[in-house]
PDB file of N, CA and C in Angstrom:
ATOM      1  N   MET A   1      11.613 138.646 208.192  1.00  0.00           N
ATOM      2  CA  MET A   1      12.161 137.720 209.171  1.00  0.00           C
ATOM      3  C   MET A   1      12.939 136.652 208.424  1.00  0.00           C
ATOM      4  N   ARG A   2      14.154 136.372 208.909  1.00  0.00           N
ATOM      5  CA  ARG A   2      14.958 135.328 208.290  1.00  0.00           C
ATOM      6  C   ARG A   2      14.393 133.966 208.641  1.00  0.00           C
ATOM      7  N   ARG A   3      14.634 133.012 207.777  1.00  0.00           N
ATOM      8  CA  ARG A   3      14.144 131.655 207.999  1.00  0.00           C
ATOM      9  C   ARG A   3      14.674 131.083 209.312  1.00  0.00           C
ATOM     10  N   SER A   4      15.939 131.377 209.638  1.00  0.00           N
ATOM     11  CA  SER A   4      16.540 130.830 210.862  1.00  0.00           C
ATOM     12  C   SER A   4      15.944 131.444 212.119  1.00  0.00           C
ATOM     13  N   ASP A   5      15.250 132.592 211.994  1.00  0.00           N
ATOM     14  CA  ASP A   5      14.645 133.233 213.159  1.00  0.00           C
ATOM     15  C   ASP A   5      13.260 132.691 213.461  1.00  0.00           C
ATOM     16  N   ARG A   6      12.663 131.965 212.537  1.00  0.00           N
ATOM     17  CA  ARG A   6      11.317 131.451 212.737  1.00  0.00           C
ATOM     18  C   ARG A   6      11.348 130.199 213.583  1.00  0.00           C
ATOM     19  N   LYS A   7      10.318 130.053 214.409  1.00  0.00           N
ATOM     20  CA  LYS A   7      10.150 128.845 215.214  1.00  0.00           C
ATOM     21  C   LYS A   7       9.054 128.017 214.602  1.00  0.00           C
ATOM     22  N   SER A   8       9.243 126.708 214.604  1.00  0.00           N
ATOM     23  CA  SER A   8       8.123 125.869 214.176  1.00  0.00           C
ATOM     24  C   SER A   8       7.151 125.767 215.341  1.00  0.00           C
ATOM     25  N   SER A   9       5.892 125.594 215.051  1.00  0.00           N
ATOM     26  CA  SER A   9       4.897 125.529 216.120  1.00  0.00           C
ATOM     27  C   SER A   9       5.114 124.312 216.998  1.00  0.00           C
ATOM     28  N   ALA A  10       5.747 123.266 216.483  1.00  0.00           N
ATOM     29  CA  ALA A  10       5.984 122.051 217.264  1.00  0.00           C
ATOM     30  C   ALA A  10       7.160 122.215 218.206  1.00  0.00           C
ATOM     31  N   ALA A  11       8.047 123.171 217.943  1.00  0.00           N
ATOM     32  CA  ALA A  11       9.262 123.302 218.740  1.00  0.00           C
ATOM     33  C   ALA A  11       8.982 123.852 220.124  1.00  0.00           C
ATOM     34  N   GLY A  12       8.026 124.727 220.288  1.00  0.00           N
ATOM     35  CA  GLY A  12       7.740 125.319 221.593  1.00  0.00           C
ATOM     36  C   GLY A  12       8.944 126.078 222.114  1.00  0.00           C
ATOM     37  N   ASN A  13       9.124 126.103 223.443  1.00  0.00           N
ATOM     38  CA  ASN A  13      10.242 126.808 224.054  1.00  0.00           C
ATOM     39  C   ASN A  13      11.461 125.928 224.232  1.00  0.00           C
ATOM     40  N   LYS A  14      11.346 124.653 223.972  1.00  0.00           N
ATOM     41  CA  LYS A  14      12.464 123.745 224.172  1.00  0.00           C
ATOM     42  C   LYS A  14      13.536 123.996 223.123  1.00  0.00           C
ATOM     43  N   ALA A  15      14.805 123.850 223.534  1.00  0.00           N
ATOM     44  CA  ALA A  15      15.908 124.036 222.600  1.00  0.00           C
ATOM     45  C   ALA A  15      15.874 122.934 221.555  1.00  0.00           C
ATOM     46  N   SER A  16      16.091 123.312 220.330  1.00  0.00           N
ATOM     47  CA  SER A  16      16.070 122.365 219.221  1.00  0.00           C
ATOM     48  C   SER A  16      17.487 121.983 218.859  1.00  0.00           C
ATOM     49  N   PRO A  17      17.709 120.731 218.474  1.00  0.00           N
ATOM     50  CA  PRO A  17      19.058 120.336 218.079  1.00  0.00           C
ATOM     51  C   PRO A  17      19.440 120.869 216.702  1.00  0.00           C
ATOM     52  N   ASN A  18      18.512 121.537 215.998  1.00  0.00           N
ATOM     53  CA  ASN A  18      18.798 122.070 214.662  1.00  0.00           C
ATOM     54  C   ASN A  18      19.872 123.142 214.746  1.00  0.00           C
ATOM     55  N   ARG A  19      20.700 123.199 213.726  1.00  0.00           N
ATOM     56  CA  ARG A  19      21.742 124.231 213.662  1.00  0.00           C
ATOM     57  C   ARG A  19      21.114 125.626 213.574  1.00  0.00           C
ATOM     58  N   SER A  20      19.929 125.721 212.954  1.00  0.00           N
ATOM     59  CA  SER A  20      19.277 127.021 212.821  1.00  0.00           C
ATOM     60  C   SER A  20      18.827 127.575 214.172  1.00  0.00           C
ATOM     61  N   ASP A  21      18.790 126.715 215.194  1.00  0.00           N
ATOM     62  CA  ASP A  21      18.392 127.149 216.529  1.00  0.00           C
ATOM     63  C   ASP A  21      19.613 127.260 217.450  1.00  0.00           C
ATOM     64  N   ALA A  22      20.787 127.468 216.873  1.00  0.00           N
ATOM     65  CA  ALA A  22      22.014 127.585 217.658  1.00  0.00           C
ATOM     66  C   ALA A  22      21.948 128.832 218.534  1.00  0.00           C
ATOM     67  N   ARG A  23      22.602 128.767 219.668  1.00  0.00           N
ATOM     68  CA  ARG A  23      22.637 129.934 220.557  1.00  0.00           C
ATOM     69  C   ARG A  23      23.480 131.031 219.939  1.00  0.00           C
ATOM     70  N   ARG A  24      23.029 132.259 220.139  1.00  0.00           N
ATOM     71  CA  ARG A  24      23.742 133.427 219.649  1.00  0.00           C
ATOM     72  C   ARG A  24      23.945 134.388 220.825  1.00  0.00           C
ATOM     73  N   PRO A  25      25.003 135.171 220.787  1.00  0.00           N
ATOM     74  CA  PRO A  25      25.217 136.131 221.875  1.00  0.00           C
ATOM     75  C   PRO A  25      24.106 137.182 221.919  1.00  0.00           C
ATOM     76  N   ARG A  26      23.683 137.530 223.102  1.00  0.00           N
ATOM     77  CA  ARG A  26      22.682 138.587 223.311  1.00  0.00           C
ATOM     78  C   ARG A  26      23.279 139.592 224.296  1.00  0.00           C
ATOM     79  N   SER A  27      22.755 140.775 224.283  1.00  0.00           N
ATOM     80  CA  SER A  27      23.242 141.811 225.180  1.00  0.00           C
ATOM     81  C   SER A  27      22.189 142.085 226.242  1.00  0.00           C
ATOM     82  N   ILE A  28      22.639 142.180 227.486  1.00  0.00           N
ATOM     83  CA  ILE A  28      21.746 142.503 228.594  1.00  0.00           C
ATOM     84  C   ILE A  28      22.537 143.363 229.576  1.00  0.00           C
ATOM     85  N   ARG A  29      21.895 144.348 230.147  1.00  0.00           N
ATOM     86  CA  ARG A  29      22.594 145.292 231.023  1.00  0.00           C
ATOM     87  C   ARG A  29      22.274 144.997 232.496  1.00  0.00           C
ATOM     88  N   PHE A  30      23.312 145.021 233.314  1.00  0.00           N
ATOM     89  CA  PHE A  30      23.195 144.870 234.754  1.00  0.00           C
ATOM     90  C   PHE A  30      24.003 145.973 235.417  1.00  0.00           C
ATOM     91  N   ALA A  31      23.526 146.480 236.529  1.00  0.00           N
ATOM     92  CA  ALA A  31      24.346 147.356 237.364  1.00  0.00           C
ATOM     93  C   ALA A  31      25.437 146.477 237.978  1.00  0.00           C
ATOM     94  N   ASP A  32      26.554 147.079 238.346  1.00  0.00           N
ATOM     95  CA  ASP A  32      27.646 146.296 238.942  1.00  0.00           C
ATOM     96  C   ASP A  32      27.179 145.525 240.167  1.00  0.00           C
ATOM     97  N   SER A  33      26.356 146.170 240.993  1.00  0.00           N
ATOM     98  CA  SER A  33      25.863 145.501 242.200  1.00  0.00           C
ATOM     99  C   SER A  33      24.952 144.327 241.857  1.00  0.00           C
ATOM    100  N   GLU A  34      24.147 144.471 240.790  1.00  0.00           N
ATOM    101  CA  GLU A  34      23.272 143.368 240.358  1.00  0.00           C
ATOM    102  C   GLU A  34      24.109 142.205 239.826  1.00  0.00           C
ATOM    103  N   TRP A  35      25.109 142.518 239.014  1.00  0.00           N
ATOM    104  CA  TRP A  35      25.931 141.458 238.434  1.00  0.00           C
ATOM    105  C   TRP A  35      26.717 140.720 239.516  1.00  0.00           C
ATOM    106  N   LYS A  36      27.131 141.442 240.555  1.00  0.00           N
ATOM    107  CA  LYS A  36      27.837 140.800 241.665  1.00  0.00           C
ATOM    108  C   LYS A  36      26.921 139.772 242.331  1.00  0.00           C
ATOM    109  N   LEU A  37      25.650 140.112 242.515  1.00  0.00           N
ATOM    110  CA  LEU A  37      24.684 139.154 243.078  1.00  0.00           C
ATOM    111  C   LEU A  37      24.531 137.938 242.172  1.00  0.00           C
ATOM    112  N   VAL A  38      24.470 138.182 240.859  1.00  0.00           N
ATOM    113  CA  VAL A  38      24.355 137.077 239.899  1.00  0.00           C
ATOM    114  C   VAL A  38      25.589 136.181 239.993  1.00  0.00           C
ATOM    115  N   GLU A  39      26.769 136.774 240.041  1.00  0.00           N
ATOM    116  CA  GLU A  39      28.010 135.992 240.128  1.00  0.00           C
ATOM    117  C   GLU A  39      28.068 135.175 241.424  1.00  0.00           C
ATOM    118  N   GLN A  40      27.623 135.769 242.520  1.00  0.00           N
ATOM    119  CA  GLN A  40      27.616 135.044 243.800  1.00  0.00           C
ATOM    120  C   GLN A  40      26.650 133.855 243.746  1.00  0.00           C
ATOM    121  N   ALA A  41      25.479 134.063 243.166  1.00  0.00           N
ATOM    122  CA  ALA A  41      24.506 132.973 243.040  1.00  0.00           C
ATOM    123  C   ALA A  41      25.047 131.883 242.127  1.00  0.00           C
ATOM    124  N   ALA A  42      25.684 132.267 241.036  1.00  0.00           N
ATOM    125  CA  ALA A  42      26.261 131.291 240.105  1.00  0.00           C
ATOM    126  C   ALA A  42      27.352 130.482 240.797  1.00  0.00           C
ATOM    127  N   LEU A  43      28.159 131.140 241.599  1.00  0.00           N
ATOM    128  CA  LEU A  43      29.225 130.454 242.339  1.00  0.00           C
ATOM    129  C   LEU A  43      28.637 129.431 243.308  1.00  0.00           C
ATOM    130  N   ARG A  44      27.549 129.805 243.990  1.00  0.00           N
ATOM    131  CA  ARG A  44      26.888 128.866 244.909  1.00  0.00           C
ATOM    132  C   ARG A  44      26.360 127.633 244.176  1.00  0.00           C
ATOM    133  N   HIS A  45      25.920 127.824 242.921  1.00  0.00           N
ATOM    134  CA  HIS A  45      25.378 126.716 242.135  1.00  0.00           C
ATOM    135  C   HIS A  45      26.448 126.007 241.318  1.00  0.00           C
ATOM    136  N   GLY A  46      27.673 126.556 241.321  1.00  0.00           N
ATOM    137  CA  GLY A  46      28.764 125.925 240.591  1.00  0.00           C
ATOM    138  C   GLY A  46      28.648 126.035 239.079  1.00  0.00           C
ATOM    139  N   ILE A  47      28.049 127.131 238.589  1.00  0.00           N
ATOM    140  CA  ILE A  47      27.898 127.320 237.151  1.00  0.00           C
ATOM    141  C   ILE A  47      28.337 128.727 236.781  1.00  0.00           C
ATOM    142  N   PRO A  48      28.655 128.967 235.521  1.00  0.00           N
ATOM    143  CA  PRO A  48      29.012 130.328 235.098  1.00  0.00           C
ATOM    144  C   PRO A  48      27.823 131.281 235.237  1.00  0.00           C
ATOM    145  N   ALA A  49      28.113 132.554 235.440  1.00  0.00           N
ATOM    146  CA  ALA A  49      27.057 133.554 235.623  1.00  0.00           C
ATOM    147  C   ALA A  49      26.129 133.619 234.415  1.00  0.00           C
ATOM    148  N   GLY A  50      26.670 133.553 233.216  1.00  0.00           N
ATOM    149  CA  GLY A  50      25.837 133.594 232.019  1.00  0.00           C
ATOM    150  C   GLY A  50      24.866 132.425 231.958  1.00  0.00           C
ATOM    151  N   GLU A  51      25.321 131.239 232.388  1.00  0.00           N
ATOM    152  CA  GLU A  51      24.443 130.063 232.403  1.00  0.00           C
ATOM    153  C   GLU A  51      23.329 130.248 233.432  1.00  0.00           C
ATOM    154  N   LEU A  52      23.639 130.873 234.569  1.00  0.00           N
ATOM    155  CA  LEU A  52      22.610 131.137 235.572  1.00  0.00           C
ATOM    156  C   LEU A  52      21.545 132.078 235.021  1.00  0.00           C
ATOM    157  N   VAL A  53      21.986 133.147 234.349  1.00  0.00           N
ATOM    158  CA  VAL A  53      21.040 134.108 233.771  1.00  0.00           C
ATOM    159  C   VAL A  53      20.183 133.416 232.722  1.00  0.00           C
ATOM    160  N   ARG A  54      20.805 132.627 231.839  1.00  0.00           N
ATOM    161  CA  ARG A  54      20.056 131.923 230.790  1.00  0.00           C
ATOM    162  C   ARG A  54      19.055 130.962 231.406  1.00  0.00           C
ATOM    163  N   ALA A  55      19.506 130.166 232.390  1.00  0.00           N
ATOM    164  CA  ALA A  55      18.615 129.193 233.026  1.00  0.00           C
ATOM    165  C   ALA A  55      17.452 129.886 233.725  1.00  0.00           C
ATOM    166  N   GLY A  56      17.734 131.001 234.404  1.00  0.00           N
ATOM    167  CA  GLY A  56      16.671 131.729 235.094  1.00  0.00           C
ATOM    168  C   GLY A  56      15.665 132.334 234.132  1.00  0.00           C
ATOM    169  N   ALA A  57      16.157 132.920 233.052  1.00  0.00           N
ATOM    170  CA  ALA A  57      15.249 133.527 232.071  1.00  0.00           C
ATOM    171  C   ALA A  57      14.382 132.467 231.408  1.00  0.00           C
ATOM    172  N   LEU A  58      14.985 131.348 231.029  1.00  0.00           N
ATOM    173  CA  LEU A  58      14.211 130.277 230.396  1.00  0.00           C
ATOM    174  C   LEU A  58      13.228 129.646 231.379  1.00  0.00           C
ATOM    175  N   ALA A  59      13.649 129.504 232.631  1.00  0.00           N
ATOM    176  CA  ALA A  59      12.744 128.939 233.643  1.00  0.00           C
ATOM    177  C   ALA A  59      11.521 129.831 233.811  1.00  0.00           C
ATOM    178  N   LEU A  60      11.719 131.137 233.843  1.00  0.00           N
ATOM    179  CA  LEU A  60      10.597 132.068 233.962  1.00  0.00           C
ATOM    180  C   LEU A  60       9.709 131.997 232.717  1.00  0.00           C
ATOM    181  N   ALA A  61      10.331 131.947 231.556  1.00  0.00           N
ATOM    182  CA  ALA A  61       9.566 131.887 230.304  1.00  0.00           C
ATOM    183  C   ALA A  61       8.782 130.585 230.175  1.00  0.00           C
ATOM    184  N   GLU A  62       9.296 129.523 230.753  1.00  0.00           N
ATOM    185  CA  GLU A  62       8.645 128.210 230.649  1.00  0.00           C
ATOM    186  C   GLU A  62       7.878 127.840 231.923  1.00  0.00           C
ATOM    187  N   ASP A  63       7.645 128.805 232.803  1.00  0.00           N
ATOM    188  CA  ASP A  63       6.890 128.594 234.042  1.00  0.00           C
ATOM    189  C   ASP A  63       7.456 127.464 234.900  1.00  0.00           C
ATOM    190  N   ARG A  64       8.761 127.433 235.045  1.00  0.00           N
ATOM    191  CA  ARG A  64       9.396 126.446 235.912  1.00  0.00           C
ATOM    192  C   ARG A  64      10.477 127.124 236.759  1.00  0.00           C
ATOM    193  N   LEU A  65      10.131 128.278 237.283  1.00  0.00           N
ATOM    194  CA  LEU A  65      11.096 129.114 237.997  1.00  0.00           C
ATOM    195  C   LEU A  65      11.592 128.480 239.291  1.00  0.00           C
ATOM    196  N   GLY A  66      10.823 127.607 239.929  1.00  0.00           N
ATOM    197  CA  GLY A  66      11.236 127.011 241.196  1.00  0.00           C
ATOM    198  C   GLY A  66      12.322 125.968 241.068  1.00  0.00           C
ATOM    199  N   GLU A  67      12.637 125.526 239.852  1.00  0.00           N
ATOM    200  CA  GLU A  67      13.652 124.497 239.653  1.00  0.00           C
ATOM    201  C   GLU A  67      15.046 125.100 239.734  1.00  0.00           C
ATOM    202  N   SER A  68      16.012 124.295 240.180  1.00  0.00           N
ATOM    203  CA  SER A  68      17.399 124.739 240.226  1.00  0.00           C
ATOM    204  C   SER A  68      17.987 124.743 238.827  1.00  0.00           C
ATOM    205  N   PRO A  69      18.914 125.651 238.556  1.00  0.00           N
ATOM    206  CA  PRO A  69      19.562 125.636 237.245  1.00  0.00           C
ATOM    207  C   PRO A  69      20.418 124.381 237.098  1.00  0.00           C
ATOM    208  N   PRO A  70      20.601 123.913 235.881  1.00  0.00           N
ATOM    209  CA  PRO A  70      21.401 122.709 235.689  1.00  0.00           C
ATOM    210  C   PRO A  70      22.852 122.955 236.058  1.00  0.00           C
ATOM    211  N   ALA A  71      23.466 121.992 236.690  1.00  0.00           N
ATOM    212  CA  ALA A  71      24.871 122.107 237.061  1.00  0.00           C
ATOM    213  C   ALA A  71      25.734 121.757 235.857  1.00  0.00           C
ATOM    214  N   THR A  72      26.807 122.483 235.692  1.00  0.00           N
ATOM    215  CA  THR A  72      27.732 122.192 234.607  1.00  0.00           C
ATOM    216  C   THR A  72      29.138 122.098 235.172  1.00  0.00           C
ATOM    217  N   LEU A  73      29.955 121.296 234.530  1.00  0.00           N
ATOM    218  CA  LEU A  73      31.352 121.179 234.915  1.00  0.00           C
ATOM    219  C   LEU A  73      32.205 121.829 233.843  1.00  0.00           C
ATOM    220  N   THR A  74      33.102 122.692 234.265  1.00  0.00           N
ATOM    221  CA  THR A  74      34.021 123.315 233.327  1.00  0.00           C
ATOM    222  C   THR A  74      35.151 122.352 233.012  1.00  0.00           C
ATOM    223  N   SER A  75      35.939 122.660 231.999  1.00  0.00           N
ATOM    224  CA  SER A  75      37.089 121.816 231.669  1.00  0.00           C
ATOM    225  C   SER A  75      38.077 121.793 232.838  1.00  0.00           C
ATOM    226  N   GLY A  76      38.160 122.887 233.584  1.00  0.00           N
ATOM    227  CA  GLY A  76      39.020 122.913 234.773  1.00  0.00           C
ATOM    228  C   GLY A  76      38.550 121.941 235.838  1.00  0.00           C
ATOM    229  N   HIS A  77      37.221 121.874 236.048  1.00  0.00           N
ATOM    230  CA  HIS A  77      36.684 120.911 237.010  1.00  0.00           C
ATOM    231  C   HIS A  77      37.001 119.487 236.569  1.00  0.00           C
ATOM    232  N   LEU A  78      36.807 119.205 235.284  1.00  0.00           N
ATOM    233  CA  LEU A  78      37.063 117.863 234.773  1.00  0.00           C
ATOM    234  C   LEU A  78      38.530 117.485 234.919  1.00  0.00           C
ATOM    235  N   ALA A  79      39.431 118.430 234.653  1.00  0.00           N
ATOM    236  CA  ALA A  79      40.861 118.173 234.814  1.00  0.00           C
ATOM    237  C   ALA A  79      41.196 117.899 236.278  1.00  0.00           C
ATOM    238  N   LEU A  80      40.600 118.668 237.180  1.00  0.00           N
ATOM    239  CA  LEU A  80      40.842 118.459 238.608  1.00  0.00           C
ATOM    240  C   LEU A  80      40.337 117.089 239.051  1.00  0.00           C
ATOM    241  N   ILE A  81      39.168 116.693 238.576  1.00  0.00           N
ATOM    242  CA  ILE A  81      38.623 115.375 238.916  1.00  0.00           C
ATOM    243  C   ILE A  81      39.561 114.279 238.431  1.00  0.00           C
ATOM    244  N   GLU A  82      40.079 114.407 237.221  1.00  0.00           N
ATOM    245  CA  GLU A  82      40.980 113.385 236.690  1.00  0.00           C
ATOM    246  C   GLU A  82      42.273 113.303 237.490  1.00  0.00           C
ATOM    247  N   VAL A  83      42.851 114.446 237.845  1.00  0.00           N
ATOM    248  CA  VAL A  83      44.080 114.453 238.637  1.00  0.00           C
ATOM    249  C   VAL A  83      43.837 113.800 239.997  1.00  0.00           C
ATOM    250  N   MET A  84      42.721 114.150 240.638  1.00  0.00           N
ATOM    251  CA  MET A  84      42.410 113.564 241.946  1.00  0.00           C
ATOM    252  C   MET A  84      42.187 112.055 241.830  1.00  0.00           C
ATOM    253  N   TYR A  85      41.502 111.635 240.767  1.00  0.00           N
ATOM    254  CA  TYR A  85      41.278 110.207 240.555  1.00  0.00           C
ATOM    255  C   TYR A  85      42.612 109.477 240.437  1.00  0.00           C
ATOM    256  N   ARG A  86      43.537 110.014 239.641  1.00  0.00           N
ATOM    257  CA  ARG A  86      44.841 109.360 239.458  1.00  0.00           C
ATOM    258  C   ARG A  86      45.607 109.285 240.786  1.00  0.00           C
ATOM    259  N   TYR A  87      45.551 110.357 241.553  1.00  0.00           N
ATOM    260  CA  TYR A  87      46.242 110.379 242.847  1.00  0.00           C
ATOM    261  C   TYR A  87      45.645 109.325 243.779  1.00  0.00           C
ATOM    262  N   VAL A  88      44.337 109.301 243.881  1.00  0.00           N
ATOM    263  CA  VAL A  88      43.670 108.334 244.761  1.00  0.00           C
ATOM    264  C   VAL A  88      43.964 106.911 244.302  1.00  0.00           C
ATOM    265  N   TYR A  89      43.976 106.679 242.990  1.00  0.00           N
ATOM    266  CA  TYR A  89      44.260 105.344 242.461  1.00  0.00           C
ATOM    267  C   TYR A  89      45.652 104.886 242.862  1.00  0.00           C
ATOM    268  N   VAL A  90      46.644 105.761 242.703  1.00  0.00           N
ATOM    269  CA  VAL A  90      48.021 105.402 243.065  1.00  0.00           C
ATOM    270  C   VAL A  90      48.118 105.132 244.564  1.00  0.00           C
ATOM    271  N   MET A  91      47.524 106.013 245.369  1.00  0.00           N
ATOM    272  CA  MET A  91      47.591 105.818 246.832  1.00  0.00           C
ATOM    273  C   MET A  91      46.868 104.544 247.247  1.00  0.00           C
ATOM    274  N   ALA A  92      45.724 104.282 246.654  1.00  0.00           N
ATOM    275  CA  ALA A  92      44.976 103.074 247.008  1.00  0.00           C
ATOM    276  C   ALA A  92      45.740 101.818 246.613  1.00  0.00           C
ATOM    277  N   THR A  93      46.411 101.860 245.477  1.00  0.00           N
ATOM    278  CA  THR A  93      47.198 100.704 245.031  1.00  0.00           C
ATOM    279  C   THR A  93      48.336 100.435 246.003  1.00  0.00           C
ATOM    280  N   LEU A  94      49.019 101.490 246.428  1.00  0.00           N
ATOM    281  CA  LEU A  94      50.112 101.315 247.389  1.00  0.00           C
ATOM    282  C   LEU A  94      49.601 100.783 248.725  1.00  0.00           C
ATOM    283  N   ASP A  95      48.515 101.386 249.232  1.00  0.00           N
ATOM    284  CA  ASP A  95      47.944 100.950 250.501  1.00  0.00           C
ATOM    285  C   ASP A  95      47.424  99.517 250.412  1.00  0.00           C
ATOM    286  N   ARG A  96      46.832  99.154 249.292  1.00  0.00           N
ATOM    287  CA  ARG A  96      46.309  97.800 249.097  1.00  0.00           C
ATOM    288  C   ARG A  96      47.437  96.782 249.209  1.00  0.00           C
ATOM    289  N   GLN A  97      48.557  97.074 248.543  1.00  0.00           N
ATOM    290  CA  GLN A  97      49.678  96.131 248.586  1.00  0.00           C
ATOM    291  C   GLN A  97      50.230  96.003 249.994  1.00  0.00           C
ATOM    292  N   GLN A  98      50.310  97.106 250.723  1.00  0.00           N
ATOM    293  CA  GLN A  98      50.800  97.053 252.104  1.00  0.00           C
ATOM    294  C   GLN A  98      49.861  96.218 252.974  1.00  0.00           C
ATOM    295  N   LEU A  99      48.552  96.374 252.776  1.00  0.00           N
ATOM    296  CA  LEU A  99      47.585  95.594 253.544  1.00  0.00           C
ATOM    297  C   LEU A  99      47.688  94.106 253.199  1.00  0.00           C
ATOM    298  N   LEU A 100      47.831  93.797 251.924  1.00  0.00           N
ATOM    299  CA  LEU A 100      47.971  92.394 251.518  1.00  0.00           C
ATOM    300  C   LEU A 100      49.250  91.793 252.091  1.00  0.00           C
ATOM    301  N   ASP A 101      50.352  92.550 252.053  1.00  0.00           N
ATOM    302  CA  ASP A 101      51.624  92.075 252.615  1.00  0.00           C
ATOM    303  C   ASP A 101      51.519  91.834 254.117  1.00  0.00           C
ATOM    304  N   ALA A 102      50.615  92.565 254.773  1.00  0.00           N
ATOM    305  CA  ALA A 102      50.433  92.422 256.223  1.00  0.00           C
ATOM    306  C   ALA A 102      49.403  91.342 256.558  1.00  0.00           C
ATOM    307  N   GLY A 103      48.917  90.611 255.547  1.00  0.00           N
ATOM    308  CA  GLY A 103      47.951  89.538 255.800  1.00  0.00           C
ATOM    309  C   GLY A 103      46.541  90.027 256.087  1.00  0.00           C
ATOM    310  N   ARG A 104      46.170  91.184 255.558  1.00  0.00           N
ATOM    311  CA  ARG A 104      44.845  91.757 255.818  1.00  0.00           C
ATOM    312  C   ARG A 104      43.979  91.753 254.553  1.00  0.00           C
ATOM    313  N   GLY A 105      44.045  90.668 253.791  1.00  0.00           N
ATOM    314  CA  GLY A 105      43.324  90.541 252.536  1.00  0.00           C
ATOM    315  C   GLY A 105      41.817  90.649 252.683  1.00  0.00           C
ATOM    316  N   LYS A 106      41.273  90.104 253.797  1.00  0.00           N
ATOM    317  CA  LYS A 106      39.819  90.175 253.997  1.00  0.00           C
ATOM    318  C   LYS A 106      39.359  91.626 254.134  1.00  0.00           C
ATOM    319  N   GLU A 107      40.158  92.450 254.792  1.00  0.00           N
ATOM    320  CA  GLU A 107      39.810  93.867 254.941  1.00  0.00           C
ATOM    321  C   GLU A 107      39.852  94.583 253.589  1.00  0.00           C
ATOM    322  N   VAL A 108      40.846  94.219 252.766  1.00  0.00           N
ATOM    323  CA  VAL A 108      40.942  94.812 251.435  1.00  0.00           C
ATOM    324  C   VAL A 108      39.707  94.449 250.619  1.00  0.00           C
ATOM    325  N   THR A 109      39.304  93.189 250.665  1.00  0.00           N
ATOM    326  CA  THR A 109      38.126  92.740 249.935  1.00  0.00           C
ATOM    327  C   THR A 109      36.885  93.477 250.416  1.00  0.00           C
ATOM    328  N   ALA A 110      36.745  93.657 251.725  1.00  0.00           N
ATOM    329  CA  ALA A 110      35.588  94.370 252.273  1.00  0.00           C
ATOM    330  C   ALA A 110      35.572  95.829 251.815  1.00  0.00           C
ATOM    331  N   LEU A 111      36.732  96.474 251.801  1.00  0.00           N
ATOM    332  CA  LEU A 111      36.815  97.864 251.353  1.00  0.00           C
ATOM    333  C   LEU A 111      36.458  97.997 249.870  1.00  0.00           C
ATOM    334  N   VAL A 112      36.960  97.086 249.053  1.00  0.00           N
ATOM    335  CA  VAL A 112      36.663  97.120 247.621  1.00  0.00           C
ATOM    336  C   VAL A 112      35.174  96.894 247.388  1.00  0.00           C
ATOM    337  N   ASP A 113      34.595  95.915 248.104  1.00  0.00           N
ATOM    338  CA  ASP A 113      33.155  95.659 247.958  1.00  0.00           C
ATOM    339  C   ASP A 113      32.331  96.881 248.362  1.00  0.00           C
ATOM    340  N   ALA A 114      32.708  97.533 249.466  1.00  0.00           N
ATOM    341  CA  ALA A 114      31.985  98.727 249.929  1.00  0.00           C
ATOM    342  C   ALA A 114      32.104  99.855 248.898  1.00  0.00           C
ATOM    343  N   ALA A 115      33.287 100.010 248.315  1.00  0.00           N
ATOM    344  CA  ALA A 115      33.487 101.045 247.309  1.00  0.00           C
ATOM    345  C   ALA A 115      32.630 100.766 246.073  1.00  0.00           C
ATOM    346  N   ARG A 116      32.570  99.507 245.665  1.00  0.00           N
ATOM    347  CA  ARG A 116      31.755  99.154 244.494  1.00  0.00           C
ATOM    348  C   ARG A 116      30.273  99.394 244.762  1.00  0.00           C
ATOM    349  N   GLN A 117      29.807  99.066 245.966  1.00  0.00           N
ATOM    350  CA  GLN A 117      28.399  99.293 246.308  1.00  0.00           C
ATOM    351  C   GLN A 117      28.079 100.790 246.312  1.00  0.00           C
ATOM    352  N   THR A 118      28.971 101.568 246.883  1.00  0.00           N
ATOM    353  CA  THR A 118      28.771 103.025 246.923  1.00  0.00           C
ATOM    354  C   THR A 118      28.727 103.593 245.513  1.00  0.00           C
ATOM    355  N   MET A 119      29.651 103.149 244.658  1.00  0.00           N
ATOM    356  CA  MET A 119      29.685 103.632 243.283  1.00  0.00           C
ATOM    357  C   MET A 119      28.390 103.264 242.561  1.00  0.00           C
ATOM    358  N   ALA A 120      27.911 102.051 242.767  1.00  0.00           N
ATOM    359  CA  ALA A 120      26.657 101.631 242.116  1.00  0.00           C
ATOM    360  C   ALA A 120      25.486 102.484 242.587  1.00  0.00           C
ATOM    361  N   GLN A 121      25.453 102.806 243.881  1.00  0.00           N
ATOM    362  CA  GLN A 121      24.370 103.638 244.426  1.00  0.00           C
ATOM    363  C   GLN A 121      24.422 105.049 243.837  1.00  0.00           C
ATOM    364  N   VAL A 122      25.617 105.605 243.751  1.00  0.00           N
ATOM    365  CA  VAL A 122      25.781 106.967 243.228  1.00  0.00           C
ATOM    366  C   VAL A 122      25.399 106.996 241.748  1.00  0.00           C
ATOM    367  N   MET A 123      25.788 105.999 240.994  1.00  0.00           N
ATOM    368  CA  MET A 123      25.494 105.969 239.567  1.00  0.00           C
ATOM    369  C   MET A 123      23.978 105.830 239.339  1.00  0.00           C
ATOM    370  N   ASP A 124      23.264 105.194 240.261  1.00  0.00           N
ATOM    371  CA  ASP A 124      21.815 105.055 240.139  1.00  0.00           C
ATOM    372  C   ASP A 124      21.079 106.335 240.500  1.00  0.00           C
ATOM    373  N   GLU A 125      21.769 107.325 241.078  1.00  0.00           N
ATOM    374  CA  GLU A 125      21.132 108.572 241.494  1.00  0.00           C
ATOM    375  C   GLU A 125      21.073 109.602 240.376  1.00  0.00           C
ATOM    376  N   GLY A 126      21.285 109.200 239.129  1.00  0.00           N
ATOM    377  CA  GLY A 126      21.272 110.129 237.995  1.00  0.00           C
ATOM    378  C   GLY A 126      19.927 110.815 237.869  1.00  0.00           C
ATOM    379  N   PRO A 127      19.786 111.650 236.838  1.00  0.00           N
ATOM    380  CA  PRO A 127      18.530 112.393 236.650  1.00  0.00           C
ATOM    381  C   PRO A 127      17.335 111.451 236.556  1.00  0.00           C
ATOM    382  N   ALA A 128      16.280 111.813 237.249  1.00  0.00           N
ATOM    383  CA  ALA A 128      15.076 110.963 237.263  1.00  0.00           C
ATOM    384  C   ALA A 128      14.267 111.143 236.013  1.00  0.00           C
TER     385      ALA A 128
END
């Protein structure tokens, strides 16, 4: 057995940050119909099919099968979020100026305050 294949007794099933515990490709066989089910489930959870299989196998191995797999964002999702943010920012800036020009500053302040409160609430909803 190679040194990198050995687990320390303290490591357990949890992933180790050590380079020797880096993920390596593994081979697993699925019928086309089975893989289609896996892909559909992964799509519902918003994660790649391979991540769903890995999360499910590890959950079973660690006796935590009832938990949902972790959600991941692809680089495409992140790019889409950034583009949408920029668009919303530009539109909000234009609308804000129009509202201020129309003498509706109190409404602008109320909208900004509501947005800040919502953002604070969402940011507090992180992993428990």
